Amino acid sequence: MEVQTCEHPACSCQVKDGQKFCTDGCEAASRDVAKNDLCKCGHASCGSKS
């Protein structure tokens, strides 16, 4: 079984089945990655802690 991760390029958080992003913040940030290239989801498990 493959682990699904957040679709924001800088985020490594796992997502629930059927979800694309771990938070609404990552979803919003992914719309303009040039301005939001860092993940700021705040999850302790994220490899891109802010």
N, C-alpha and C. Protein backbone atom coordinates (compact mmCIF):
# COMPACT_ATOMS: atom_id res chain seq x y z
N MET A 1 0.84 -1.19 0.00
CA MET A 1 0.00 0.00 0.00
C MET A 1 0.88 1.24 0.00
N GLU A 2 0.68 2.08 -0.97
CA GLU A 2 1.48 3.29 -1.12
C GLU A 2 0.92 4.41 -0.24
N VAL A 3 1.81 5.12 0.42
CA VAL A 3 1.41 6.24 1.27
C VAL A 3 1.19 7.46 0.38
N GLN A 4 0.03 8.06 0.52
CA GLN A 4 -0.29 9.27 -0.23
C GLN A 4 0.17 10.49 0.56
N THR A 5 0.82 11.43 -0.13
CA THR A 5 1.29 12.64 0.53
C THR A 5 0.63 13.87 -0.09
N CYS A 6 0.71 14.95 0.64
CA CYS A 6 0.15 16.23 0.23
C CYS A 6 0.70 16.63 -1.14
N GLU A 7 -0.14 17.23 -1.97
CA GLU A 7 0.29 17.62 -3.31
C GLU A 7 1.05 18.94 -3.35
N HIS A 8 1.14 19.66 -2.24
CA HIS A 8 2.00 20.86 -2.24
C HIS A 8 3.43 20.36 -2.38
N PRO A 9 4.19 20.89 -3.33
CA PRO A 9 5.52 20.36 -3.62
C PRO A 9 6.49 20.35 -2.44
N ALA A 10 6.32 21.26 -1.49
CA ALA A 10 7.25 21.34 -0.36
C ALA A 10 6.76 20.61 0.88
N CYS A 11 5.61 19.96 0.80
CA CYS A 11 5.01 19.30 1.96
C CYS A 11 5.14 17.79 1.84
N SER A 12 5.46 17.14 2.95
CA SER A 12 5.61 15.69 2.93
C SER A 12 4.60 14.99 3.85
N CYS A 13 3.56 15.69 4.26
CA CYS A 13 2.55 15.12 5.15
C CYS A 13 1.70 14.08 4.43
N GLN A 14 1.28 13.07 5.19
CA GLN A 14 0.35 12.09 4.67
C GLN A 14 -1.04 12.70 4.60
N VAL A 15 -1.81 12.25 3.63
CA VAL A 15 -3.20 12.70 3.50
C VAL A 15 -4.13 11.50 3.61
N LYS A 16 -5.36 11.76 3.97
CA LYS A 16 -6.38 10.72 4.06
C LYS A 16 -6.79 10.30 2.66
N ASP A 17 -7.32 9.09 2.55
CA ASP A 17 -7.80 8.60 1.26
C ASP A 17 -8.76 9.60 0.64
N GLY A 18 -8.53 9.91 -0.62
CA GLY A 18 -9.40 10.81 -1.35
C GLY A 18 -9.02 12.28 -1.21
N GLN A 19 -8.09 12.60 -0.32
CA GLN A 19 -7.66 13.98 -0.13
C GLN A 19 -6.42 14.25 -0.97
N LYS A 20 -6.25 15.49 -1.39
CA LYS A 20 -5.05 15.87 -2.14
C LYS A 20 -4.09 16.67 -1.28
N PHE A 21 -4.62 17.38 -0.30
CA PHE A 21 -3.80 18.25 0.53
C PHE A 21 -4.03 17.96 2.01
N CYS A 22 -3.03 18.22 2.85
CA CYS A 22 -3.16 17.94 4.28
C CYS A 22 -3.93 19.03 5.01
N THR A 23 -3.91 20.24 4.48
CA THR A 23 -4.64 21.36 5.09
C THR A 23 -5.18 22.27 3.99
N ASP A 24 -6.13 23.11 4.36
CA ASP A 24 -6.63 24.11 3.42
C ASP A 24 -5.51 25.08 3.05
N GLY A 25 -4.59 25.31 3.99
CA GLY A 25 -3.46 26.22 3.72
C GLY A 25 -2.57 25.69 2.61
N CYS A 26 -2.29 24.40 2.63
CA CYS A 26 -1.48 23.81 1.56
C CYS A 26 -2.21 23.86 0.23
N GLU A 27 -3.50 23.64 0.26
CA GLU A 27 -4.27 23.70 -0.98
C GLU A 27 -4.23 25.12 -1.57
N ALA A 28 -4.43 26.12 -0.73
CA ALA A 28 -4.40 27.50 -1.19
C ALA A 28 -3.01 27.89 -1.68
N ALA A 29 -1.98 27.48 -0.95
CA ALA A 29 -0.60 27.82 -1.32
C ALA A 29 -0.19 27.17 -2.63
N SER A 30 -0.74 26.00 -2.91
CA SER A 30 -0.35 25.29 -4.13
C SER A 30 -0.86 25.97 -5.40
N ARG A 31 -1.79 26.87 -5.26
CA ARG A 31 -2.31 27.59 -6.43
C ARG A 31 -1.28 28.56 -6.99
N ASP A 32 -0.34 28.99 -6.16
CA ASP A 32 0.72 29.90 -6.62
C ASP A 32 2.02 29.52 -5.91
N VAL A 33 2.60 28.41 -6.33
CA VAL A 33 3.79 27.88 -5.67
C VAL A 33 4.97 28.84 -5.81
N ALA A 34 5.00 29.66 -6.84
CA ALA A 34 6.09 30.62 -7.00
C ALA A 34 6.16 31.58 -5.81
N LYS A 35 5.01 31.93 -5.27
CA LYS A 35 4.97 32.83 -4.10
C LYS A 35 4.92 32.05 -2.80
N ASN A 36 4.50 30.81 -2.83
CA ASN A 36 4.31 30.00 -1.64
C ASN A 36 5.10 28.70 -1.75
N ASP A 37 6.41 28.83 -1.96
CA ASP A 37 7.23 27.65 -2.21
C ASP A 37 7.60 26.89 -0.95
N LEU A 38 7.34 27.44 0.22
CA LEU A 38 7.62 26.75 1.47
C LEU A 38 6.33 26.25 2.08
N CYS A 39 6.40 25.09 2.69
CA CYS A 39 5.23 24.56 3.37
C CYS A 39 5.14 25.17 4.76
N LYS A 40 3.96 25.60 5.13
CA LYS A 40 3.73 26.19 6.45
C LYS A 40 2.51 25.53 7.09
N CYS A 41 2.34 24.24 6.85
CA CYS A 41 1.16 23.56 7.37
C CYS A 41 1.19 23.44 8.88
N GLY A 42 2.39 23.39 9.46
CA GLY A 42 2.51 23.33 10.92
C GLY A 42 2.49 21.94 11.50
N HIS A 43 2.33 20.92 10.69
CA HIS A 43 2.32 19.55 11.21
C HIS A 43 3.72 19.13 11.65
N ALA A 44 3.81 18.54 12.82
CA ALA A 44 5.10 18.11 13.36
C ALA A 44 5.77 17.07 12.48
N SER A 45 4.98 16.28 11.76
CA SER A 45 5.54 15.22 10.93
C SER A 45 6.04 15.71 9.58
N CYS A 46 5.79 16.95 9.25
CA CYS A 46 6.17 17.48 7.95
C CYS A 46 7.68 17.67 7.86
N GLY A 47 8.24 17.28 6.74
CA GLY A 47 9.68 17.42 6.53
C GLY A 47 10.10 18.83 6.21
N SER A 48 9.14 19.73 6.05
CA SER A 48 9.42 21.11 5.70
C SER A 48 8.83 22.02 6.77
N LYS A 49 9.30 21.85 7.99
CA LYS A 49 8.76 22.62 9.12
C LYS A 49 9.05 24.10 8.94
N SER A 50 8.07 24.92 9.30
CA SER A 50 8.25 26.37 9.21
C SER A 50 8.73 26.93 10.51
